Amino acid sequence: MIGSLRGRIASKTPPQLTVEVGGLGYELEAPMSTFFRLPAIGAEVSLLTHLVVREDAHVLYAFGTEEERRLFRSLIKVSGVGPKIALALLSGISVEAFAECVQREDVAALTRVPGVGRKTAERLIVEMRDRVSAPAPGGTAASSPGASAESEAYGALIALGYRPAEASRLLKAVGPGTHSTEELIRRALQGAAQE
């Protein structure tokens, strides 16, 4: 599989672009969120990719961030959602906003994306609920280096199998204060055991 490309942008016509790498021109399809961040034609670019093999074609999709590619890969695993709908979702809504829509079960927001009907939106919410995580407390990703104790505790609770909403609720129940990561986890687990 082709995981990433680094080369010169030869052409870009949304949603397609061509990146020239070592004399080869790779035709890619990218969501608008990636397109908006692309440099000018002729400039160097580095993109993450995902290859979809169909009977009639091999299509290479490009992404500016790992989060976008991860969401795309999760979306195409949902029954009835193919690469075109996944690309439309990433073009119409950010990764964070998508996670919020799923956590809030906001069907209306998802149906505003072209190509996503009510049944598809409901299926996305049901099937993606456990695959997307809510923003970690404090607004930082749980896995980022130097993350706060609360964010690290949140990540640990997710790793232990708690849903994002449950993990956030358990940490809020611990209350304010300066606790170590270990202390936050211990108190959150004690709170869960008392429920």
Protein backbone atom coordinates (compact mmCIF):
# COMPACT_ATOMS: atom_id res chain seq x y z
CA MET A 1 0.00 0.00 0.00
CA ILE A 2 1.13 3.56 -0.61
CA GLY A 3 1.13 5.33 2.77
CA SER A 4 2.44 8.78 1.85
CA LEU A 5 3.82 10.87 -0.98
CA ARG A 6 6.27 13.75 -1.06
CA GLY A 7 6.73 15.63 -4.27
CA ARG A 8 5.80 18.64 -6.38
CA ILE A 9 2.20 19.63 -7.11
CA ALA A 10 1.74 19.37 -10.86
CA SER A 11 -1.96 20.26 -10.98
CA LYS A 12 -4.93 20.75 -8.70
CA THR A 13 -8.59 20.84 -9.64
CA PRO A 14 -10.76 20.03 -6.62
CA PRO A 15 -11.14 17.28 -5.59
CA GLN A 16 -8.30 15.97 -7.80
CA LEU A 17 -4.64 16.84 -7.72
CA THR A 18 -1.51 15.43 -9.29
CA VAL A 19 1.72 15.13 -7.32
CA GLU A 20 4.90 14.42 -9.26
CA VAL A 21 7.27 12.11 -7.38
CA GLY A 22 10.50 11.03 -9.03
CA GLY A 23 9.16 11.50 -12.56
CA LEU A 24 5.82 9.78 -11.85
CA GLY A 25 2.60 11.74 -11.59
CA TYR A 26 0.25 10.38 -8.92
CA GLU A 27 -3.40 11.32 -9.37
CA LEU A 28 -5.03 11.82 -5.99
CA GLU A 29 -8.44 12.76 -4.62
CA ALA A 30 -8.48 14.88 -1.49
CA PRO A 31 -11.11 16.39 0.80
CA MET A 32 -11.55 20.15 0.70
CA SER A 33 -10.04 20.42 4.19
CA THR A 34 -6.76 19.18 2.70
CA PHE A 35 -7.15 21.24 -0.49
CA PHE A 36 -7.42 24.50 1.46
CA ARG A 37 -4.00 23.86 3.03
CA LEU A 38 -2.18 22.89 -0.19
CA PRO A 39 0.63 25.16 -1.42
CA ALA A 40 0.67 26.58 -4.95
CA ILE A 41 1.27 24.50 -8.09
CA GLY A 42 4.96 23.72 -8.40
CA ALA A 43 5.55 23.73 -4.65
CA GLU A 44 6.69 20.74 -2.59
CA VAL A 45 4.04 18.90 -0.61
CA SER A 46 3.92 15.91 1.73
CA LEU A 47 0.63 14.02 1.97
CA LEU A 48 -0.65 10.92 3.74
CA THR A 49 -2.52 8.54 1.44
CA HIS A 50 -4.98 5.67 1.36
CA LEU A 51 -5.32 3.36 -1.65
CA VAL A 52 -8.78 1.99 -2.52
CA VAL A 53 -8.76 -0.92 -4.97
CA ARG A 54 -11.93 -1.41 -6.99
CA GLU A 55 -12.72 -3.69 -9.92
CA ASP A 56 -12.39 -0.86 -12.39
CA ALA A 57 -9.77 1.38 -10.76
CA HIS A 58 -7.17 1.96 -8.08
CA VAL A 59 -7.94 5.30 -6.43
CA LEU A 60 -5.43 7.07 -4.21
CA TYR A 61 -6.85 9.46 -1.59
CA ALA A 62 -4.70 12.18 0.00
CA PHE A 63 -4.90 13.77 3.44
CA GLY A 64 -3.11 16.63 5.13
CA THR A 65 -3.31 15.13 8.64
CA GLU A 66 -3.29 11.70 10.26
CA GLU A 67 -6.62 12.50 11.95
CA GLU A 68 -8.30 13.01 8.56
CA ARG A 69 -6.90 9.75 7.19
CA ARG A 70 -7.87 7.84 10.33
CA LEU A 71 -11.45 9.16 10.14
CA PHE A 72 -11.64 8.35 6.41
CA ARG A 73 -10.54 4.77 7.11
CA SER A 74 -13.14 4.43 9.86
CA LEU A 75 -15.89 5.91 7.70
CA ILE A 76 -15.38 3.53 4.78
CA LYS A 77 -15.86 0.61 7.18
CA VAL A 78 -19.41 1.77 7.92
CA SER A 79 -22.07 -0.17 6.00
CA GLY A 80 -23.30 1.89 3.05
CA VAL A 81 -20.56 4.53 3.29
CA GLY A 82 -18.01 4.44 0.51
CA PRO A 83 -15.00 6.61 -0.28
CA LYS A 84 -17.15 9.28 -2.03
CA ILE A 85 -19.38 9.85 1.00
CA ALA A 86 -16.35 9.71 3.32
CA LEU A 87 -14.63 12.36 1.18
CA ALA A 88 -17.79 14.50 1.21
CA LEU A 89 -17.99 14.25 5.01
CA LEU A 90 -14.35 15.30 5.41
CA SER A 91 -14.94 18.15 2.95
CA GLY A 92 -18.06 19.38 4.73
CA ILE A 93 -17.14 18.97 8.39
CA SER A 94 -13.93 18.94 10.44
CA VAL A 95 -12.73 15.82 12.27
CA GLU A 96 -13.50 17.47 15.63
CA ALA A 97 -16.96 18.63 14.53
CA PHE A 98 -17.76 15.15 13.22
CA ALA A 99 -16.82 13.62 16.58
CA GLU A 100 -19.05 16.16 18.35
CA CYS A 101 -21.98 15.39 16.00
CA VAL A 102 -21.63 11.68 16.72
CA GLN A 103 -21.35 12.19 20.49
CA ARG A 104 -24.39 14.52 20.51
CA GLU A 105 -26.26 12.29 18.03
CA ASP A 106 -26.82 15.33 15.80
CA VAL A 107 -28.43 13.78 12.72
CA ALA A 108 -29.42 17.20 11.33
CA ALA A 109 -25.81 18.43 11.15
CA LEU A 110 -24.67 15.30 9.31
CA THR A 111 -27.52 15.45 6.79
CA ARG A 112 -26.36 18.94 5.76
CA VAL A 113 -23.36 17.27 4.11
CA PRO A 114 -24.14 16.57 0.42
CA GLY A 115 -24.79 12.87 -0.20
CA VAL A 116 -25.64 12.05 3.43
CA GLY A 117 -29.29 11.23 3.99
CA ARG A 118 -31.10 10.64 7.27
CA LYS A 119 -30.60 6.85 7.28
CA THR A 120 -26.89 7.19 6.51
CA ALA A 121 -26.49 9.82 9.24
CA GLU A 122 -28.22 7.57 11.77
CA ARG A 123 -26.05 4.61 10.74
CA LEU A 124 -22.93 6.78 11.08
CA ILE A 125 -23.91 7.79 14.61
CA VAL A 126 -24.58 4.21 15.68
CA GLU A 127 -21.50 2.66 14.08
CA MET A 128 -19.03 5.51 14.78
CA ARG A 129 -20.01 6.16 18.40
CA ASP A 130 -17.26 3.91 19.77
CA ARG A 131 -14.72 4.76 17.06
CA VAL A 132 -14.50 8.51 17.56
CA SER A 133 -13.45 10.13 20.77
CA ALA A 134 -14.69 13.38 22.20
CA PRO A 135 -12.10 16.11 22.65
CA ALA A 136 -10.01 15.36 25.72
CA PRO A 137 -10.59 17.58 28.75
CA GLY A 138 -8.46 20.69 28.56
CA GLY A 139 -8.68 20.66 24.76
CA THR A 140 -5.53 18.64 24.17
CA ALA A 141 -5.24 15.24 22.60
CA ALA A 142 -4.69 12.53 25.14
CA SER A 143 -1.69 11.18 23.28
CA SER A 144 0.13 14.45 22.70
CA PRO A 145 3.55 14.84 24.28
CA GLY A 146 3.49 16.92 27.44
CA ALA A 147 -0.27 16.47 27.81
CA SER A 148 -1.82 17.50 31.09
CA ALA A 149 -2.49 14.96 33.85
CA GLU A 150 -6.22 15.20 33.11
CA SER A 151 -5.68 14.50 29.40
CA GLU A 152 -3.41 11.56 30.19
CA ALA A 153 -5.97 10.16 32.63
CA TYR A 154 -8.67 10.58 29.98
CA GLY A 155 -6.54 8.60 27.50
CA ALA A 156 -5.95 5.89 30.08
CA LEU A 157 -9.69 5.53 30.78
CA ILE A 158 -10.36 5.24 27.04
CA ALA A 159 -7.65 2.55 26.82
CA LEU A 160 -9.37 0.71 29.68
CA GLY A 161 -12.53 0.52 27.58
CA TYR A 162 -14.59 3.46 28.83
CA ARG A 163 -16.50 5.42 26.19
CA PRO A 164 -15.32 9.01 25.65
CA ALA A 165 -18.43 10.51 27.27
CA GLU A 166 -18.09 8.19 30.29
CA ALA A 167 -14.39 9.00 30.69
CA SER A 168 -15.11 12.75 30.64
CA ARG A 169 -17.94 12.35 33.16
CA LEU A 170 -15.80 10.26 35.55
CA LEU A 171 -12.97 12.82 35.43
CA LYS A 172 -15.37 15.72 36.04
CA ALA A 173 -16.72 13.85 39.07
CA VAL A 174 -13.21 13.79 40.57
CA GLY A 175 -13.48 17.55 40.90
CA PRO A 176 -10.99 20.38 40.58
CA GLY A 177 -7.54 20.25 42.07
CA THR A 178 -4.01 19.43 41.10
CA HIS A 179 -3.86 15.65 40.97
CA SER A 180 -1.28 13.43 39.34
CA THR A 181 -2.34 11.27 36.42
CA GLU A 182 -2.30 8.19 38.64
CA GLU A 183 -4.42 9.89 41.31
CA LEU A 184 -6.99 11.04 38.73
CA ILE A 185 -7.28 7.53 37.30
CA ARG A 186 -7.57 5.97 40.76
CA ARG A 187 -10.30 8.42 41.84
CA ALA A 188 -12.20 8.08 38.56
CA LEU A 189 -12.16 4.27 38.86
CA GLN A 190 -13.30 4.49 42.49
CA GLY A 191 -16.16 6.73 41.39
CA ALA A 192 -17.12 4.23 38.67
CA ALA A 193 -17.07 1.36 41.14
CA GLN A 194 -19.45 3.25 43.49
CA GLU A 195 -22.05 3.79 40.75
